[in-house]
Amino acid sequence: MNTIAISIIVFGALVFFHELGHFLVAKLCDIKVNEFSLGFGPILVSLKKGETLYSIRALPLGGYVKMEGEDEKTGDPRAFSNKPVGARMAVVISGPMMNLLMAVILISLIGFFSGVATTKVTVIPNSPAELAGIKDGDIIAAIDDKKISSWDETVSIISQKPNQTLEIEILRNGEKKEILVKTEQEPETGRGVIGIKSVVIRYSPLHSLKTGIQKTLWASSMILSSIPRLLTGRGLSDLVGPLGIAHMVGEAARVGIFNVLYLTAFISINLGLLNLLPVPALDGSRLVFLFVEFLRGKPIDPEKEGMIHFLGFALLMLLMVFVLYRDFMRLYM
């Protein structure tokens, strides 16, 4: 039951932030919003405030912001289709951008409370680092001429080079020094190590925000590099549906709240970036249509565009059913 409750909270937060991005920018652009919904299907709870119906629906597999004139022709000057192309692009892209912002916020919160690993180090006695001349308080600036901006980069580079000599540039009292360090191989993992630990800074908004941005950009680059595999069909086996995500959330919850927040941030990045793909019914496809309209100087028929998005949505639902079935067979059979 705890897993189900936590999963619902995670799914709800992801969908809410995504749709909130669309909703807020639509309001800023004076677009009439008919409904803000979490979920699909029959309405469970609803509240009408002003011109907008706020609802929670039975199937918690997504959500939507229904704007006047989004998929049909209308003479309402406040309709989505009657706004300038730039305003409509801003509304469409704001959902994925809100997901990326959500990831930055979550990772920053984790860093604020649990601490941010910096490139300032403490040295383990009699380690390769100490024997080479690295001292407590030194800052790792570069390794083999590669500039270092985070502790994760430091660990990644050193771990990939066991039993090799590294040229490490450190900052000591504002002065640069070049130090040659021979790595050792860690028996358990085979990774390269030199015997340094990061100085962790807690309760620092600036360091936490910097880490949140860096890790979000890093995760985004990793996800983007995997998209070609997904589009060619080779990455379909890596797709995980709601059941798979709920299972991962449950596993993360057993470790602690920070693991749940990290997982939520990573899923949010995935959701934001995948929504930018030019697939009908996704935000990326709507951006393509708007870009074509900008080049043509006139809009594409909203009803024809709406039909394409409807067909795309139907295909995405079929894919969702397939992924749900595969997750069920993998986890429960």
C-alpha atoms as a PDB file:
ATOM      1  CA  MET A   1       0.000   0.000   0.000  1.00  0.00           C
ATOM      2  CA  ASN A   2       2.868   2.374   0.743  1.00  0.00           C
ATOM      3  CA  THR A   3       4.308   1.716  -2.717  1.00  0.00           C
ATOM      4  CA  ILE A   4       0.937   2.447  -4.336  1.00  0.00           C
ATOM      5  CA  ALA A   5       0.501   5.665  -2.347  1.00  0.00           C
ATOM      6  CA  ILE A   6       4.013   6.906  -3.085  1.00  0.00           C
ATOM      7  CA  SER A   7       3.662   5.993  -6.775  1.00  0.00           C
ATOM      8  CA  ILE A   8       0.395   7.934  -7.043  1.00  0.00           C
ATOM      9  CA  ILE A   9       2.064  10.956  -5.439  1.00  0.00           C
ATOM     10  CA  VAL A  10       5.032  10.700  -7.830  1.00  0.00           C
ATOM     11  CA  PHE A  11       2.841  10.274 -10.931  1.00  0.00           C
ATOM     12  CA  GLY A  12       0.548  13.057  -9.788  1.00  0.00           C
ATOM     13  CA  ALA A  13       3.433  15.461  -9.178  1.00  0.00           C
ATOM     14  CA  LEU A  14       4.982  14.741 -12.588  1.00  0.00           C
ATOM     15  CA  VAL A  15       1.727  15.284 -14.451  1.00  0.00           C
ATOM     16  CA  PHE A  16       0.735  18.287 -12.346  1.00  0.00           C
ATOM     17  CA  PHE A  17       3.974  20.176 -12.954  1.00  0.00           C
ATOM     18  CA  HIS A  18       3.908  19.405 -16.677  1.00  0.00           C
ATOM     19  CA  GLU A  19       0.343  20.603 -17.138  1.00  0.00           C
ATOM     20  CA  LEU A  20       0.898  23.534 -14.782  1.00  0.00           C
ATOM     21  CA  GLY A  21       3.540  24.807 -17.192  1.00  0.00           C
ATOM     22  CA  HIS A  22       1.036  24.788 -20.066  1.00  0.00           C
ATOM     23  CA  PHE A  23      -1.668  26.309 -17.857  1.00  0.00           C
ATOM     24  CA  LEU A  24       0.380  29.204 -16.455  1.00  0.00           C
ATOM     25  CA  VAL A  25       1.783  30.302 -19.809  1.00  0.00           C
ATOM     26  CA  ALA A  26      -1.663  29.980 -21.416  1.00  0.00           C
ATOM     27  CA  LYS A  27      -3.044  32.307 -18.754  1.00  0.00           C
ATOM     28  CA  LEU A  28      -0.129  34.718 -19.245  1.00  0.00           C
ATOM     29  CA  CYS A  29      -0.951  34.791 -22.969  1.00  0.00           C
ATOM     30  CA  ASP A  30      -4.664  35.394 -22.191  1.00  0.00           C
ATOM     31  CA  ILE A  31      -5.750  32.090 -23.714  1.00  0.00           C
ATOM     32  CA  LYS A  32      -9.088  30.697 -22.551  1.00  0.00           C
ATOM     33  CA  VAL A  33      -8.529  27.446 -20.628  1.00  0.00           C
ATOM     34  CA  ASN A  34     -11.639  25.265 -20.458  1.00  0.00           C
ATOM     35  CA  GLU A  35     -10.227  22.482 -18.284  1.00  0.00           C
ATOM     36  CA  PHE A  36      -7.160  21.536 -16.250  1.00  0.00           C
ATOM     37  CA  SER A  37      -7.287  17.763 -15.740  1.00  0.00           C
ATOM     38  CA  LEU A  38      -5.144  15.222 -13.937  1.00  0.00           C
ATOM     39  CA  GLY A  39      -5.881  11.833 -15.479  1.00  0.00           C
ATOM     40  CA  PHE A  40      -8.236  10.649 -18.207  1.00  0.00           C
ATOM     41  CA  GLY A  41     -11.668   9.048 -18.322  1.00  0.00           C
ATOM     42  CA  PRO A  42     -14.595   9.642 -15.938  1.00  0.00           C
ATOM     43  CA  ILE A  43     -14.369  12.580 -13.543  1.00  0.00           C
ATOM     44  CA  LEU A  44     -13.810  11.666  -9.892  1.00  0.00           C
ATOM     45  CA  VAL A  45     -13.568  15.163  -8.434  1.00  0.00           C
ATOM     46  CA  SER A  46     -14.076  18.531 -10.097  1.00  0.00           C
ATOM     47  CA  LEU A  47     -14.290  22.207  -9.277  1.00  0.00           C
ATOM     48  CA  LYS A  48     -15.379  25.006 -11.596  1.00  0.00           C
ATOM     49  CA  LYS A  49     -13.625  28.284 -10.910  1.00  0.00           C
ATOM     50  CA  GLY A  50     -14.159  31.101 -13.341  1.00  0.00           C
ATOM     51  CA  GLU A  51     -14.026  29.794 -16.889  1.00  0.00           C
ATOM     52  CA  THR A  52     -11.908  26.738 -16.041  1.00  0.00           C
ATOM     53  CA  LEU A  53     -12.967  23.299 -14.811  1.00  0.00           C
ATOM     54  CA  TYR A  54     -10.353  21.704 -12.537  1.00  0.00           C
ATOM     55  CA  SER A  55     -10.751  17.917 -12.451  1.00  0.00           C
ATOM     56  CA  ILE A  56      -9.209  14.654 -11.284  1.00  0.00           C
ATOM     57  CA  ARG A  57     -10.163  11.721 -13.515  1.00  0.00           C
ATOM     58  CA  ALA A  58     -10.204   7.975 -13.026  1.00  0.00           C
ATOM     59  CA  LEU A  59      -7.187   6.889 -15.108  1.00  0.00           C
ATOM     60  CA  PRO A  60      -3.991   8.388 -13.617  1.00  0.00           C
ATOM     61  CA  LEU A  61      -1.916   7.924 -16.787  1.00  0.00           C
ATOM     62  CA  GLY A  62      -1.456  11.558 -17.705  1.00  0.00           C
ATOM     63  CA  GLY A  63      -3.373  14.804 -17.855  1.00  0.00           C
ATOM     64  CA  TYR A  64      -4.192  17.721 -20.086  1.00  0.00           C
ATOM     65  CA  VAL A  65      -4.955  21.416 -20.310  1.00  0.00           C
ATOM     66  CA  LYS A  66      -7.928  21.892 -22.651  1.00  0.00           C
ATOM     67  CA  MET A  67      -7.713  25.285 -24.334  1.00  0.00           C
ATOM     68  CA  GLU A  68     -10.375  26.924 -26.460  1.00  0.00           C
ATOM     69  CA  GLY A  69      -9.613  26.474 -30.152  1.00  0.00           C
ATOM     70  CA  GLU A  70      -6.779  24.038 -29.576  1.00  0.00           C
ATOM     71  CA  ASP A  71      -7.997  21.425 -32.076  1.00  0.00           C
ATOM     72  CA  GLU A  72     -10.898  23.192 -33.765  1.00  0.00           C
ATOM     73  CA  LYS A  73     -11.774  26.416 -35.549  1.00  0.00           C
ATOM     74  CA  THR A  74     -13.362  29.172 -33.477  1.00  0.00           C
ATOM     75  CA  GLY A  75     -13.924  32.896 -33.693  1.00  0.00           C
ATOM     76  CA  ASP A  76     -13.066  33.497 -30.037  1.00  0.00           C
ATOM     77  CA  PRO A  77     -10.185  36.016 -29.965  1.00  0.00           C
ATOM     78  CA  ARG A  78      -8.863  34.333 -26.806  1.00  0.00           C
ATOM     79  CA  ALA A  79      -8.691  30.930 -28.497  1.00  0.00           C
ATOM     80  CA  PHE A  80      -5.343  29.139 -28.714  1.00  0.00           C
ATOM     81  CA  SER A  81      -5.555  28.978 -32.523  1.00  0.00           C
ATOM     82  CA  ASN A  82      -6.085  32.744 -32.800  1.00  0.00           C
ATOM     83  CA  LYS A  83      -2.990  33.718 -30.809  1.00  0.00           C
ATOM     84  CA  PRO A  84       0.377  34.573 -32.450  1.00  0.00           C
ATOM     85  CA  VAL A  85       2.663  31.662 -33.303  1.00  0.00           C
ATOM     86  CA  GLY A  86       5.219  32.747 -30.705  1.00  0.00           C
ATOM     87  CA  ALA A  87       2.636  32.688 -27.923  1.00  0.00           C
ATOM     88  CA  ARG A  88       1.419  29.241 -28.918  1.00  0.00           C
ATOM     89  CA  MET A  89       4.989  27.905 -29.073  1.00  0.00           C
ATOM     90  CA  ALA A  90       5.595  29.264 -25.580  1.00  0.00           C
ATOM     91  CA  VAL A  91       2.490  27.468 -24.278  1.00  0.00           C
ATOM     92  CA  VAL A  92       3.469  24.168 -25.894  1.00  0.00           C
ATOM     93  CA  ILE A  93       7.107  24.139 -24.790  1.00  0.00           C
ATOM     94  CA  SER A  94       6.336  25.281 -21.241  1.00  0.00           C
ATOM     95  CA  GLY A  95       5.174  21.811 -20.166  1.00  0.00           C
ATOM     96  CA  PRO A  96       8.465  20.025 -20.918  1.00  0.00           C
ATOM     97  CA  MET A  97      10.421  22.979 -19.548  1.00  0.00           C
ATOM     98  CA  MET A  98       8.472  22.733 -16.301  1.00  0.00           C
ATOM     99  CA  ASN A  99       9.507  19.076 -16.030  1.00  0.00           C
ATOM    100  CA  LEU A 100      13.168  20.061 -16.361  1.00  0.00           C
ATOM    101  CA  LEU A 101      12.655  22.807 -13.780  1.00  0.00           C
ATOM    102  CA  MET A 102      11.044  20.281 -11.450  1.00  0.00           C
ATOM    103  CA  ALA A 103      14.149  18.090 -11.734  1.00  0.00           C
ATOM    104  CA  VAL A 104      16.434  21.026 -10.924  1.00  0.00           C
ATOM    105  CA  ILE A 105      14.320  21.877  -7.858  1.00  0.00           C
ATOM    106  CA  LEU A 106      14.246  18.292  -6.554  1.00  0.00           C
ATOM    107  CA  ILE A 107      17.983  17.696  -7.016  1.00  0.00           C
ATOM    108  CA  SER A 108      18.721  21.081  -5.438  1.00  0.00           C
ATOM    109  CA  LEU A 109      16.581  20.194  -2.410  1.00  0.00           C
ATOM    110  CA  ILE A 110      18.417  16.894  -2.034  1.00  0.00           C
ATOM    111  CA  GLY A 111      21.747  18.682  -2.209  1.00  0.00           C
ATOM    112  CA  PHE A 112      20.650  21.327   0.278  1.00  0.00           C
ATOM    113  CA  PHE A 113      19.667  18.834   2.982  1.00  0.00           C
ATOM    114  CA  SER A 114      22.012  15.903   2.318  1.00  0.00           C
ATOM    115  CA  GLY A 115      24.996  17.949   1.190  1.00  0.00           C
ATOM    116  CA  VAL A 116      26.753  18.754  -2.073  1.00  0.00           C
ATOM    117  CA  ALA A 117      29.995  16.990  -2.948  1.00  0.00           C
ATOM    118  CA  THR A 118      32.552  19.594  -4.081  1.00  0.00           C
ATOM    119  CA  THR A 119      35.883  19.279  -5.886  1.00  0.00           C
ATOM    120  CA  LYS A 120      37.691  20.362  -2.707  1.00  0.00           C
ATOM    121  CA  VAL A 121      39.214  17.206  -1.234  1.00  0.00           C
ATOM    122  CA  THR A 122      40.498  15.532   1.885  1.00  0.00           C
ATOM    123  CA  VAL A 123      43.286  13.011   1.389  1.00  0.00           C
ATOM    124  CA  ILE A 124      43.474   9.467   2.793  1.00  0.00           C
ATOM    125  CA  PRO A 125      46.809   8.883   4.597  1.00  0.00           C
ATOM    126  CA  ASN A 126      49.456   6.930   2.634  1.00  0.00           C
ATOM    127  CA  SER A 127      47.289   6.972  -0.495  1.00  0.00           C
ATOM    128  CA  PRO A 128      48.638   7.629  -4.007  1.00  0.00           C
ATOM    129  CA  ALA A 129      47.238  11.174  -3.763  1.00  0.00           C
ATOM    130  CA  GLU A 130      49.089  11.966  -0.539  1.00  0.00           C
ATOM    131  CA  LEU A 131      52.324  10.383  -1.755  1.00  0.00           C
ATOM    132  CA  ALA A 132      52.111  12.463  -4.946  1.00  0.00           C
ATOM    133  CA  GLY A 133      51.687  15.695  -2.983  1.00  0.00           C
ATOM    134  CA  ILE A 134      47.942  16.412  -2.921  1.00  0.00           C
ATOM    135  CA  LYS A 135      46.869  17.929   0.411  1.00  0.00           C
ATOM    136  CA  ASP A 136      43.647  18.472   2.350  1.00  0.00           C
ATOM    137  CA  GLY A 137      41.800  21.524   1.008  1.00  0.00           C
ATOM    138  CA  ASP A 138      43.196  21.255  -2.529  1.00  0.00           C
ATOM    139  CA  ILE A 139      40.637  21.782  -5.301  1.00  0.00           C
ATOM    140  CA  ILE A 140      40.650  19.476  -8.345  1.00  0.00           C
ATOM    141  CA  ALA A 141      40.581  21.795 -11.370  1.00  0.00           C
ATOM    142  CA  ALA A 142      41.480  19.472 -14.236  1.00  0.00           C
ATOM    143  CA  ILE A 143      42.507  15.884 -14.969  1.00  0.00           C
ATOM    144  CA  ASP A 144      44.599  15.148 -18.076  1.00  0.00           C
ATOM    145  CA  ASP A 145      43.765  18.634 -19.399  1.00  0.00           C
ATOM    146  CA  LYS A 146      40.011  18.086 -18.978  1.00  0.00           C
ATOM    147  CA  LYS A 147      38.426  20.820 -16.915  1.00  0.00           C
ATOM    148  CA  ILE A 148      36.521  19.530 -13.898  1.00  0.00           C
ATOM    149  CA  SER A 149      33.282  21.147 -12.772  1.00  0.00           C
ATOM    150  CA  SER A 150      31.861  18.529 -10.395  1.00  0.00           C
ATOM    151  CA  TRP A 151      32.849  15.722  -8.049  1.00  0.00           C
ATOM    152  CA  ASP A 152      30.971  13.244 -10.256  1.00  0.00           C
ATOM    153  CA  GLU A 153      33.283  14.117 -13.142  1.00  0.00           C
ATOM    154  CA  THR A 154      36.310  13.614 -10.912  1.00  0.00           C
ATOM    155  CA  VAL A 155      35.173  10.161  -9.813  1.00  0.00           C
ATOM    156  CA  SER A 156      34.145   9.159 -13.340  1.00  0.00           C
ATOM    157  CA  ILE A 157      37.510  10.021 -14.918  1.00  0.00           C
ATOM    158  CA  ILE A 158      39.664   8.468 -12.189  1.00  0.00           C
ATOM    159  CA  SER A 159      37.561   5.295 -11.965  1.00  0.00           C
ATOM    160  CA  GLN A 160      37.970   4.641 -15.697  1.00  0.00           C
ATOM    161  CA  LYS A 161      41.778   4.714 -15.491  1.00  0.00           C
ATOM    162  CA  PRO A 162      43.074   2.080 -13.052  1.00  0.00           C
ATOM    163  CA  ASN A 163      46.869   1.638 -12.880  1.00  0.00           C
ATOM    164  CA  GLN A 164      47.506   4.732 -14.986  1.00  0.00           C
ATOM    165  CA  THR A 165      49.370   7.967 -14.357  1.00  0.00           C
ATOM    166  CA  LEU A 166      47.122  11.024 -14.332  1.00  0.00           C
ATOM    167  CA  GLU A 167      48.123  14.666 -14.631  1.00  0.00           C
ATOM    168  CA  ILE A 168      45.959  16.445 -12.066  1.00  0.00           C
ATOM    169  CA  GLU A 169      45.740  20.220 -11.890  1.00  0.00           C
ATOM    170  CA  ILE A 170      44.893  21.451  -8.418  1.00  0.00           C
ATOM    171  CA  LEU A 171      44.215  24.853  -6.906  1.00  0.00           C
ATOM    172  CA  ARG A 172      45.956  25.521  -3.584  1.00  0.00           C
ATOM    173  CA  ASN A 173      45.534  28.932  -1.968  1.00  0.00           C
ATOM    174  CA  GLY A 174      44.629  30.355  -5.360  1.00  0.00           C
ATOM    175  CA  GLU A 175      47.709  28.940  -7.111  1.00  0.00           C
ATOM    176  CA  LYS A 176      47.654  26.248  -9.797  1.00  0.00           C
ATOM    177  CA  LYS A 177      49.850  23.176  -9.434  1.00  0.00           C
ATOM    178  CA  GLU A 178      50.351  20.187 -11.731  1.00  0.00           C
ATOM    179  CA  ILE A 179      50.730  16.848  -9.936  1.00  0.00           C
ATOM    180  CA  LEU A 180      51.299  13.395 -11.430  1.00  0.00           C
ATOM    181  CA  VAL A 181      49.397  10.645  -9.603  1.00  0.00           C
ATOM    182  CA  LYS A 182      49.522   6.884 -10.297  1.00  0.00           C
ATOM    183  CA  THR A 183      46.093   5.353  -9.749  1.00  0.00           C
ATOM    184  CA  GLU A 184      45.494   2.062  -7.984  1.00  0.00           C
ATOM    185  CA  GLN A 185      42.913  -0.559  -8.912  1.00  0.00           C
ATOM    186  CA  GLU A 186      40.173  -1.174  -6.376  1.00  0.00           C
ATOM    187  CA  PRO A 187      40.026  -4.972  -5.852  1.00  0.00           C
ATOM    188  CA  GLU A 188      36.226  -5.236  -5.484  1.00  0.00           C
ATOM    189  CA  THR A 189      35.206  -3.153  -8.500  1.00  0.00           C
ATOM    190  CA  GLY A 190      38.291  -2.827 -10.681  1.00  0.00           C
ATOM    191  CA  ARG A 191      37.917   0.954 -10.660  1.00  0.00           C
ATOM    192  CA  GLY A 192      40.783   3.373 -10.491  1.00  0.00           C
ATOM    193  CA  VAL A 193      41.269   5.220  -7.177  1.00  0.00           C
ATOM    194  CA  ILE A 194      43.823   7.663  -5.796  1.00  0.00           C
ATOM    195  CA  GLY A 195      42.615   8.047  -2.195  1.00  0.00           C
ATOM    196  CA  ILE A 196      40.686  11.313  -2.059  1.00  0.00           C
ATOM    197  CA  LYS A 197      37.302  12.219  -0.610  1.00  0.00           C
ATOM    198  CA  SER A 198      35.078  15.157  -1.391  1.00  0.00           C
ATOM    199  CA  VAL A 199      34.441  17.968   1.062  1.00  0.00           C
ATOM    200  CA  VAL A 200      30.643  18.028   1.438  1.00  0.00           C
ATOM    201  CA  ILE A 201      28.829  21.338   1.875  1.00  0.00           C
ATOM    202  CA  ARG A 202      25.379  21.308   3.491  1.00  0.00           C
ATOM    203  CA  TYR A 203      22.629  23.943   3.630  1.00  0.00           C
ATOM    204  CA  SER A 204      24.126  26.032   0.820  1.00  0.00           C
ATOM    205  CA  PRO A 205      21.428  27.315  -1.602  1.00  0.00           C
ATOM    206  CA  LEU A 206      24.011  28.399  -4.195  1.00  0.00           C
ATOM    207  CA  HIS A 207      25.949  25.121  -4.248  1.00  0.00           C
ATOM    208  CA  SER A 208      22.706  23.120  -4.193  1.00  0.00           C
ATOM    209  CA  LEU A 209      21.219  25.027  -7.131  1.00  0.00           C
ATOM    210  CA  LYS A 210      24.444  24.698  -9.124  1.00  0.00           C
ATOM    211  CA  THR A 211      24.425  20.936  -8.525  1.00  0.00           C
ATOM    212  CA  GLY A 212      20.750  20.719  -9.470  1.00  0.00           C
ATOM    213  CA  ILE A 213      21.402  22.412 -12.803  1.00  0.00           C
ATOM    214  CA  GLN A 214      24.562  20.397 -13.524  1.00  0.00           C
ATOM    215  CA  LYS A 215      22.974  17.023 -12.775  1.00  0.00           C
ATOM    216  CA  THR A 216      19.845  17.874 -14.758  1.00  0.00           C
ATOM    217  CA  LEU A 217      21.968  18.831 -17.781  1.00  0.00           C
ATOM    218  CA  TRP A 218      24.074  15.685 -17.380  1.00  0.00           C
ATOM    219  CA  ALA A 219      21.008  13.424 -17.177  1.00  0.00           C
ATOM    220  CA  SER A 220      19.461  15.241 -20.151  1.00  0.00           C
ATOM    221  CA  SER A 221      22.544  14.598 -22.283  1.00  0.00           C
ATOM    222  CA  MET A 222      22.477  10.892 -21.345  1.00  0.00           C
ATOM    223  CA  ILE A 223      18.786  10.595 -22.242  1.00  0.00           C
ATOM    224  CA  LEU A 224      19.192  12.489 -25.523  1.00  0.00           C
ATOM    225  CA  SER A 225      22.059  10.211 -26.550  1.00  0.00           C
ATOM    226  CA  SER A 226      19.737   7.198 -26.125  1.00  0.00           C
ATOM    227  CA  ILE A 227      16.857   8.593 -28.214  1.00  0.00           C
ATOM    228  CA  PRO A 228      18.257   7.382 -31.602  1.00  0.00           C
ATOM    229  CA  ARG A 229      18.129   3.796 -30.249  1.00  0.00           C
ATOM    230  CA  LEU A 230      14.527   4.344 -29.191  1.00  0.00           C
ATOM    231  CA  LEU A 231      13.460   5.769 -32.558  1.00  0.00           C
ATOM    232  CA  THR A 232      15.041   2.871 -34.453  1.00  0.00           C
ATOM    233  CA  GLY A 233      13.275   0.340 -32.250  1.00  0.00           C
ATOM    234  CA  ARG A 234      16.423  -0.978 -30.588  1.00  0.00           C
ATOM    235  CA  GLY A 235      15.593   0.787 -27.339  1.00  0.00           C
ATOM    236  CA  LEU A 236      11.980  -0.396 -26.998  1.00  0.00           C
ATOM    237  CA  SER A 237      13.088  -3.059 -24.534  1.00  0.00           C
ATOM    238  CA  ASP A 238      14.283  -0.257 -22.243  1.00  0.00           C
ATOM    239  CA  LEU A 239      10.838   1.366 -22.063  1.00  0.00           C
ATOM    240  CA  VAL A 240       9.162   1.151 -18.688  1.00  0.00           C
ATOM    241  CA  GLY A 241       5.480   1.797 -18.082  1.00  0.00           C
ATOM    242  CA  PRO A 242       3.528   2.816 -14.976  1.00  0.00           C
ATOM    243  CA  LEU A 243       3.873  -0.650 -13.395  1.00  0.00           C
ATOM    244  CA  GLY A 244       7.618  -0.671 -13.913  1.00  0.00           C
ATOM    245  CA  ILE A 245       7.946   2.853 -12.573  1.00  0.00           C
ATOM    246  CA  ALA A 246       5.797   1.973  -9.544  1.00  0.00           C
ATOM    247  CA  HIS A 247       8.111  -0.969  -8.870  1.00  0.00           C
ATOM    248  CA  MET A 248      11.185   1.297  -9.059  1.00  0.00           C
ATOM    249  CA  VAL A 249       9.501   3.843  -6.787  1.00  0.00           C
ATOM    250  CA  GLY A 250       8.829   1.090  -4.260  1.00  0.00           C
ATOM    251  CA  GLU A 251      12.455  -0.045  -4.354  1.00  0.00           C
ATOM    252  CA  ALA A 252      13.655   3.551  -3.951  1.00  0.00           C
ATOM    253  CA  ALA A 253      11.264   4.132  -1.036  1.00  0.00           C
ATOM    254  CA  ARG A 254      12.844   1.250   0.856  1.00  0.00           C
ATOM    255  CA  VAL A 255      16.184   3.073   0.778  1.00  0.00           C
ATOM    256  CA  GLY A 256      14.905   6.539   1.704  1.00  0.00           C
ATOM    257  CA  ILE A 257      13.128   9.699   0.648  1.00  0.00           C
ATOM    258  CA  PHE A 258      16.145  11.129  -1.166  1.00  0.00           C
ATOM    259  CA  ASN A 259      16.208   8.105  -3.472  1.00  0.00           C
ATOM    260  CA  VAL A 260      12.534   8.650  -4.269  1.00  0.00           C
ATOM    261  CA  LEU A 261      13.222  12.311  -5.042  1.00  0.00           C
ATOM    262  CA  TYR A 262      16.201  11.422  -7.259  1.00  0.00           C
ATOM    263  CA  LEU A 263      14.095   8.895  -9.162  1.00  0.00           C
ATOM    264  CA  THR A 264      11.268  11.414  -9.529  1.00  0.00           C
ATOM    265  CA  ALA A 265      13.726  13.989 -10.889  1.00  0.00           C
ATOM    266  CA  PHE A 266      15.103  11.494 -13.421  1.00  0.00           C
ATOM    267  CA  ILE A 267      11.609  10.469 -14.560  1.00  0.00           C
ATOM    268  CA  SER A 268      10.671  14.148 -14.855  1.00  0.00           C
ATOM    269  CA  ILE A 269      13.651  14.775 -17.140  1.00  0.00           C
ATOM    270  CA  ASN A 270      12.629  11.775 -19.254  1.00  0.00           C
ATOM    271  CA  LEU A 271       9.049  13.024 -19.446  1.00  0.00           C
ATOM    272  CA  GLY A 272      10.113  16.526 -20.455  1.00  0.00           C
ATOM    273  CA  LEU A 273      12.564  15.432 -23.160  1.00  0.00           C
ATOM    274  CA  LEU A 274      10.415  12.645 -24.623  1.00  0.00           C
ATOM    275  CA  ASN A 275       7.502  15.084 -24.880  1.00  0.00           C
ATOM    276  CA  LEU A 276       9.667  17.180 -27.204  1.00  0.00           C
ATOM    277  CA  LEU A 277       9.948  14.341 -29.735  1.00  0.00           C
ATOM    278  CA  PRO A 278       8.102  15.095 -33.016  1.00  0.00           C
ATOM    279  CA  VAL A 279       5.534  12.355 -32.398  1.00  0.00           C
ATOM    280  CA  PRO A 280       1.836  13.160 -32.997  1.00  0.00           C
ATOM    281  CA  ALA A 281      -0.020  13.995 -29.766  1.00  0.00           C
ATOM    282  CA  LEU A 282       3.228  14.984 -28.024  1.00  0.00           C
ATOM    283  CA  ASP A 283       4.319  18.588 -27.492  1.00  0.00           C
ATOM    284  CA  GLY A 284       7.175  18.158 -29.969  1.00  0.00           C
ATOM    285  CA  SER A 285       4.741  17.420 -32.778  1.00  0.00           C
ATOM    286  CA  ARG A 286       2.730  20.539 -31.978  1.00  0.00           C
ATOM    287  CA  LEU A 287       5.933  22.569 -32.114  1.00  0.00           C
ATOM    288  CA  VAL A 288       6.640  21.131 -35.576  1.00  0.00           C
ATOM    289  CA  PHE A 289       3.182  22.178 -36.798  1.00  0.00           C
ATOM    290  CA  LEU A 290       3.669  25.656 -35.371  1.00  0.00           C
ATOM    291  CA  PHE A 291       7.093  25.967 -36.998  1.00  0.00           C
ATOM    292  CA  VAL A 292       5.592  24.956 -40.356  1.00  0.00           C
ATOM    293  CA  GLU A 293       2.890  27.577 -39.856  1.00  0.00           C
ATOM    294  CA  PHE A 294       5.579  30.170 -39.130  1.00  0.00           C
ATOM    295  CA  LEU A 295       7.378  29.292 -42.376  1.00  0.00           C
ATOM    296  CA  ARG A 296       4.169  29.201 -44.456  1.00  0.00           C
ATOM    297  CA  GLY A 297       2.739  32.364 -42.969  1.00  0.00           C
ATOM    298  CA  LYS A 298      -0.640  30.713 -42.466  1.00  0.00           C
ATOM    299  CA  PRO A 299      -1.945  28.035 -40.107  1.00  0.00           C
ATOM    300  CA  ILE A 300      -2.597  24.395 -40.909  1.00  0.00           C
ATOM    301  CA  ASP A 301      -6.268  23.431 -40.685  1.00  0.00           C
ATOM    302  CA  PRO A 302      -6.818  22.889 -36.907  1.00  0.00           C
ATOM    303  CA  GLU A 303      -9.244  20.034 -37.537  1.00  0.00           C
ATOM    304  CA  LYS A 304      -6.744  18.151 -39.727  1.00  0.00           C
ATOM    305  CA  GLU A 305      -3.999  18.754 -37.194  1.00  0.00           C
ATOM    306  CA  GLY A 306      -6.346  17.613 -34.434  1.00  0.00           C
ATOM    307  CA  MET A 307      -7.045  14.370 -36.303  1.00  0.00           C
ATOM    308  CA  ILE A 308      -3.308  13.669 -36.651  1.00  0.00           C
ATOM    309  CA  HIS A 309      -2.814  14.245 -32.923  1.00  0.00           C
ATOM    310  CA  PHE A 310      -5.805  11.994 -32.173  1.00  0.00           C
ATOM    311  CA  LEU A 311      -4.328   9.158 -34.237  1.00  0.00           C
ATOM    312  CA  GLY A 312      -0.970   9.705 -32.574  1.00  0.00           C
ATOM    313  CA  PHE A 313      -2.631   9.567 -29.161  1.00  0.00           C
ATOM    314  CA  ALA A 314      -4.338   6.289 -30.082  1.00  0.00           C
ATOM    315  CA  LEU A 315      -0.994   4.777 -31.137  1.00  0.00           C
ATOM    316  CA  LEU A 316       0.625   5.971 -27.916  1.00  0.00           C
ATOM    317  CA  MET A 317      -2.168   4.306 -25.925  1.00  0.00           C
ATOM    318  CA  LEU A 318      -1.540   1.041 -27.801  1.00  0.00           C
ATOM    319  CA  LEU A 319       2.157   1.369 -26.960  1.00  0.00           C
ATOM    320  CA  MET A 320       1.200   2.014 -23.341  1.00  0.00           C
ATOM    321  CA  VAL A 321      -0.901  -1.175 -23.258  1.00  0.00           C
ATOM    322  CA  PHE A 322       2.014  -3.149 -24.724  1.00  0.00           C
ATOM    323  CA  VAL A 323       4.456  -1.752 -22.148  1.00  0.00           C
ATOM    324  CA  LEU A 324       1.974  -2.394 -19.315  1.00  0.00           C
ATOM    325  CA  TYR A 325       1.588  -6.006 -20.437  1.00  0.00           C
ATOM    326  CA  ARG A 326       5.354  -6.496 -20.660  1.00  0.00           C
ATOM    327  CA  ASP A 327       5.888  -4.906 -17.229  1.00  0.00           C
ATOM    328  CA  PHE A 328       3.214  -7.175 -15.737  1.00  0.00           C
ATOM    329  CA  MET A 329       4.757 -10.309 -17.252  1.00  0.00           C
ATOM    330  CA  ARG A 330       8.243  -9.338 -16.099  1.00  0.00           C
ATOM    331  CA  LEU A 331       7.288  -8.369 -12.550  1.00  0.00           C
ATOM    332  CA  TYR A 332       4.468 -10.734 -11.631  1.00  0.00           C
ATOM    333  CA  MET A 333       4.732 -13.860 -13.798  1.00  0.00           C
END
